[in-house]
């Protein structure tokens, strides 16, 4: 999938060699990329409908703990990205 979704190095190189605007290549690459990604996700969904045992078992989510962890991460990130740190 990485070679379809911009910015692909090969796409940029081809645009430079062919002396074409890189922006047009990005726009042109979005339709096949979205199509490929949606087909890939549809395939996963269909496979899991047919064989639900392929999916991992998940336990209940503790939303309070998840929110607290997200707040801790955002505080650390804002402190690390502050000027002079």
N, C-alpha and C. Protein backbone atom coordinates (compact mmCIF):
# COMPACT_ATOMS: atom_id res chain seq x y z
N UNK A 1 0.81 -1.19 0.00
CA UNK A 1 0.00 0.00 0.00
C UNK A 1 0.86 1.26 0.00
N UNK A 2 2.00 1.20 0.60
CA UNK A 2 2.84 2.38 0.71
C UNK A 2 3.27 2.95 -0.63
N UNK A 3 3.39 2.11 -1.63
CA UNK A 3 3.80 2.63 -2.94
C UNK A 3 2.65 3.30 -3.67
N UNK A 4 1.42 3.08 -3.24
CA UNK A 4 0.28 3.72 -3.89
C UNK A 4 -0.07 5.06 -3.28
N UNK A 5 0.11 5.18 -1.99
CA UNK A 5 -0.33 6.37 -1.28
C UNK A 5 0.78 7.42 -1.33
N UNK A 6 0.44 8.63 -1.77
CA UNK A 6 1.45 9.69 -1.83
C UNK A 6 2.00 9.99 -0.45
N UNK A 7 3.20 10.42 -0.31
CA UNK A 7 4.21 10.67 -1.34
C UNK A 7 5.07 9.43 -1.59
N UNK A 8 4.99 8.90 -2.75
CA UNK A 8 5.80 7.77 -3.15
C UNK A 8 7.08 8.28 -3.78
N UNK A 9 8.19 7.73 -3.38
CA UNK A 9 9.48 8.18 -3.93
C UNK A 9 9.56 7.93 -5.43
N UNK A 10 9.03 6.80 -5.86
CA UNK A 10 9.06 6.47 -7.28
C UNK A 10 8.21 7.47 -8.06
N UNK A 11 7.07 7.84 -7.50
CA UNK A 11 6.20 8.81 -8.18
C UNK A 11 6.88 10.17 -8.29
N UNK A 12 7.54 10.60 -7.24
CA UNK A 12 8.25 11.87 -7.27
C UNK A 12 9.38 11.82 -8.28
N UNK A 13 10.13 10.74 -8.27
CA UNK A 13 11.23 10.58 -9.23
C UNK A 13 10.71 10.59 -10.66
N UNK A 14 9.62 9.88 -10.91
CA UNK A 14 9.04 9.86 -12.25
C UNK A 14 8.56 11.24 -12.67
N UNK A 15 7.97 11.99 -11.76
CA UNK A 15 7.51 13.35 -12.08
C UNK A 15 8.70 14.25 -12.42
N UNK A 16 9.78 14.10 -11.69
CA UNK A 16 10.96 14.92 -11.98
C UNK A 16 11.59 14.55 -13.31
N UNK A 17 11.69 13.26 -13.59
CA UNK A 17 12.30 12.81 -14.84
C UNK A 17 11.44 13.21 -16.04
N UNK A 18 10.12 13.10 -15.90
CA UNK A 18 9.24 13.44 -17.01
C UNK A 18 8.90 14.93 -17.08
N UNK A 19 9.46 15.70 -16.15
CA UNK A 19 9.27 17.16 -16.08
C UNK A 19 7.79 17.54 -16.01
N UNK A 20 7.07 16.83 -15.17
CA UNK A 20 5.65 17.09 -14.95
C UNK A 20 5.46 17.57 -13.51
N UNK A 21 4.39 18.33 -13.26
CA UNK A 21 4.13 18.80 -11.89
C UNK A 21 3.86 17.64 -10.93
N UNK A 22 4.53 17.67 -9.79
CA UNK A 22 4.37 16.60 -8.80
C UNK A 22 2.95 16.61 -8.24
N UNK A 23 2.34 17.78 -8.12
CA UNK A 23 0.98 17.88 -7.59
C UNK A 23 -0.03 17.09 -8.40
N UNK A 24 0.13 17.10 -9.72
CA UNK A 24 -0.79 16.34 -10.57
C UNK A 24 -0.64 14.84 -10.33
N UNK A 25 0.58 14.39 -10.07
CA UNK A 25 0.80 12.98 -9.77
C UNK A 25 0.15 12.60 -8.44
N UNK A 26 0.23 13.49 -7.45
CA UNK A 26 -0.40 13.22 -6.16
C UNK A 26 -1.91 13.07 -6.32
N UNK A 27 -2.52 13.99 -7.06
CA UNK A 27 -3.97 13.93 -7.27
C UNK A 27 -4.34 12.66 -8.03
N UNK A 28 -3.58 12.34 -9.06
CA UNK A 28 -3.87 11.15 -9.86
C UNK A 28 -3.69 9.87 -9.06
N UNK A 29 -2.82 9.87 -8.08
CA UNK A 29 -2.57 8.66 -7.29
C UNK A 29 -3.61 8.42 -6.21
N UNK A 30 -4.41 9.42 -5.88
CA UNK A 30 -5.36 9.26 -4.79
C UNK A 30 -6.49 8.29 -5.13
N UNK A 31 -7.00 8.31 -6.35
CA UNK A 31 -8.12 7.44 -6.71
C UNK A 31 -7.73 5.96 -6.62
N UNK A 32 -6.62 5.53 -7.25
CA UNK A 32 -6.27 4.12 -7.09
C UNK A 32 -5.89 3.75 -5.66
N UNK A 33 -5.32 4.71 -4.93
CA UNK A 33 -4.96 4.42 -3.54
C UNK A 33 -6.20 4.20 -2.69
N UNK A 34 -7.18 5.07 -2.83
CA UNK A 34 -8.42 4.92 -2.06
C UNK A 34 -9.15 3.64 -2.47
N UNK A 35 -9.15 3.35 -3.75
CA UNK A 35 -9.78 2.12 -4.22
C UNK A 35 -9.09 0.88 -3.65
N UNK A 36 -7.77 0.84 -3.70
CA UNK A 36 -7.03 -0.31 -3.18
C UNK A 36 -7.22 -0.47 -1.68
N UNK A 37 -7.19 0.63 -0.95
CA UNK A 37 -7.36 0.56 0.50
C UNK A 37 -8.77 0.09 0.85
N UNK A 38 -9.78 0.62 0.15
CA UNK A 38 -11.15 0.20 0.45
C UNK A 38 -11.38 -1.28 0.10
N UNK A 39 -10.79 -1.76 -0.99
CA UNK A 39 -10.90 -3.17 -1.32
C UNK A 39 -10.19 -4.05 -0.29
N UNK A 40 -9.05 -3.59 0.18
CA UNK A 40 -8.31 -4.33 1.20
C UNK A 40 -9.12 -4.43 2.49
N UNK A 41 -9.70 -3.31 2.93
CA UNK A 41 -10.50 -3.32 4.16
C UNK A 41 -11.79 -4.13 3.99
N UNK A 42 -12.38 -4.08 2.80
CA UNK A 42 -13.57 -4.88 2.53
C UNK A 42 -13.23 -6.37 2.59
N UNK A 43 -12.09 -6.73 2.06
CA UNK A 43 -11.66 -8.13 2.11
C UNK A 43 -11.49 -8.59 3.56
N UNK A 44 -10.88 -7.76 4.38
CA UNK A 44 -10.71 -8.12 5.79
C UNK A 44 -12.07 -8.30 6.46
N UNK A 45 -12.99 -7.37 6.20
CA UNK A 45 -14.33 -7.45 6.79
C UNK A 45 -15.05 -8.72 6.36
N UNK A 46 -14.98 -9.06 5.07
CA UNK A 46 -15.63 -10.27 4.58
C UNK A 46 -15.00 -11.53 5.18
N UNK A 47 -13.67 -11.54 5.28
CA UNK A 47 -12.99 -12.69 5.88
C UNK A 47 -13.43 -12.89 7.32
N UNK A 48 -13.59 -11.79 8.06
CA UNK A 48 -13.99 -11.89 9.46
C UNK A 48 -15.46 -12.25 9.61
N UNK A 49 -16.28 -11.91 8.63
CA UNK A 49 -17.69 -12.33 8.67
C UNK A 49 -17.80 -13.84 8.44
N UNK A 50 -16.96 -14.36 7.56
CA UNK A 50 -16.99 -15.78 7.26
C UNK A 50 -16.32 -16.58 8.37
N UNK A 51 -15.19 -16.11 8.84
CA UNK A 51 -14.42 -16.82 9.89
C UNK A 51 -14.14 -15.89 11.07
N UNK A 52 -15.09 -15.66 11.95
CA UNK A 52 -14.88 -14.74 13.07
C UNK A 52 -13.78 -15.18 14.03
N UNK A 53 -13.42 -16.47 13.99
CA UNK A 53 -12.36 -16.94 14.88
C UNK A 53 -10.98 -16.42 14.44
N UNK A 54 -10.88 -15.84 13.25
CA UNK A 54 -9.60 -15.24 12.82
C UNK A 54 -9.28 -13.96 13.59
N UNK A 55 -10.29 -13.29 14.09
CA UNK A 55 -10.08 -12.04 14.81
C UNK A 55 -9.59 -12.32 16.23
N UNK A 56 -8.72 -11.46 16.75
CA UNK A 56 -8.27 -11.65 18.13
C UNK A 56 -9.39 -11.34 19.12
N UNK A 57 -9.37 -12.02 20.23
CA UNK A 57 -10.35 -11.77 21.28
C UNK A 57 -9.93 -10.53 22.06
N UNK A 58 -10.87 -9.62 22.27
CA UNK A 58 -10.58 -8.40 23.01
C UNK A 58 -11.40 -8.38 24.28
N UNK A 59 -10.79 -7.84 25.31
CA UNK A 59 -11.50 -7.70 26.57
C UNK A 59 -12.18 -6.34 26.60
N UNK A 60 -12.94 -6.10 27.64
CA UNK A 60 -13.62 -4.82 27.79
C UNK A 60 -12.60 -3.69 27.93
N UNK A 61 -12.93 -2.55 27.36
CA UNK A 61 -12.02 -1.40 27.38
C UNK A 61 -12.32 -0.56 28.60
N UNK A 62 -11.28 -0.23 29.35
CA UNK A 62 -11.42 0.67 30.48
C UNK A 62 -11.19 2.09 29.95
N UNK A 63 -12.30 2.78 29.64
CA UNK A 63 -12.21 4.09 29.00
C UNK A 63 -11.56 5.13 29.89
N UNK A 64 -11.75 5.05 31.19
CA UNK A 64 -11.14 6.03 32.10
C UNK A 64 -9.62 5.88 32.09
N UNK A 65 -9.14 4.66 32.12
CA UNK A 65 -7.68 4.43 32.08
C UNK A 65 -7.11 4.86 30.73
N UNK A 66 -7.84 4.61 29.66
CA UNK A 66 -7.39 5.02 28.34
C UNK A 66 -7.31 6.53 28.23
N UNK A 67 -8.31 7.22 28.75
CA UNK A 67 -8.31 8.69 28.73
C UNK A 67 -7.17 9.24 29.59
N UNK A 68 -6.95 8.65 30.75
CA UNK A 68 -5.86 9.11 31.62
C UNK A 68 -4.51 8.92 30.94
N UNK A 69 -4.33 7.82 30.25
CA UNK A 69 -3.08 7.59 29.53
C UNK A 69 -2.91 8.59 28.40
N UNK A 70 -3.99 8.92 27.70
CA UNK A 70 -3.91 9.90 26.62
C UNK A 70 -3.56 11.28 27.16
N UNK A 71 -4.12 11.63 28.30
CA UNK A 71 -3.81 12.93 28.91
C UNK A 71 -2.34 12.97 29.33
N UNK A 72 -1.84 11.88 29.92
CA UNK A 72 -0.43 11.84 30.31
C UNK A 72 0.48 12.00 29.09
N UNK A 73 0.14 11.33 28.00
CA UNK A 73 0.96 11.43 26.79
C UNK A 73 0.92 12.83 26.21
N UNK A 74 -0.25 13.46 26.21
CA UNK A 74 -0.34 14.80 25.64
C UNK A 74 0.41 15.81 26.50
N UNK A 75 0.41 15.61 27.82
CA UNK A 75 1.16 16.51 28.69
C UNK A 75 2.65 16.34 28.45
N UNK A 76 3.11 15.10 28.31
CA UNK A 76 4.53 14.86 28.03
C UNK A 76 4.92 15.43 26.67
N UNK A 77 4.05 15.25 25.67
CA UNK A 77 4.36 15.74 24.33
C UNK A 77 4.43 17.26 24.31
N UNK A 78 3.48 17.92 25.00
CA UNK A 78 3.50 19.38 25.00
C UNK A 78 4.71 19.91 25.76
N UNK A 79 5.12 19.20 26.81
CA UNK A 79 6.30 19.63 27.56
C UNK A 79 7.57 19.42 26.73
N UNK A 80 7.62 18.33 25.99
CA UNK A 80 8.81 18.03 25.17
C UNK A 80 8.91 18.96 23.98
N UNK A 81 7.79 19.44 23.47
CA UNK A 81 7.83 20.28 22.27
C UNK A 81 7.85 21.77 22.61
N UNK A 82 7.84 22.09 23.90
CA UNK A 82 7.87 23.50 24.31
C UNK A 82 9.24 24.12 23.98
N UNK A 83 9.25 25.38 23.59
CA UNK A 83 10.53 26.03 23.29
C UNK A 83 11.44 26.06 24.51
N UNK A 84 12.68 25.79 24.29
CA UNK A 84 13.66 25.82 25.37
C UNK A 84 13.75 24.53 26.17
N UNK A 85 13.06 23.49 25.74
CA UNK A 85 13.12 22.24 26.51
C UNK A 85 14.19 21.32 25.96
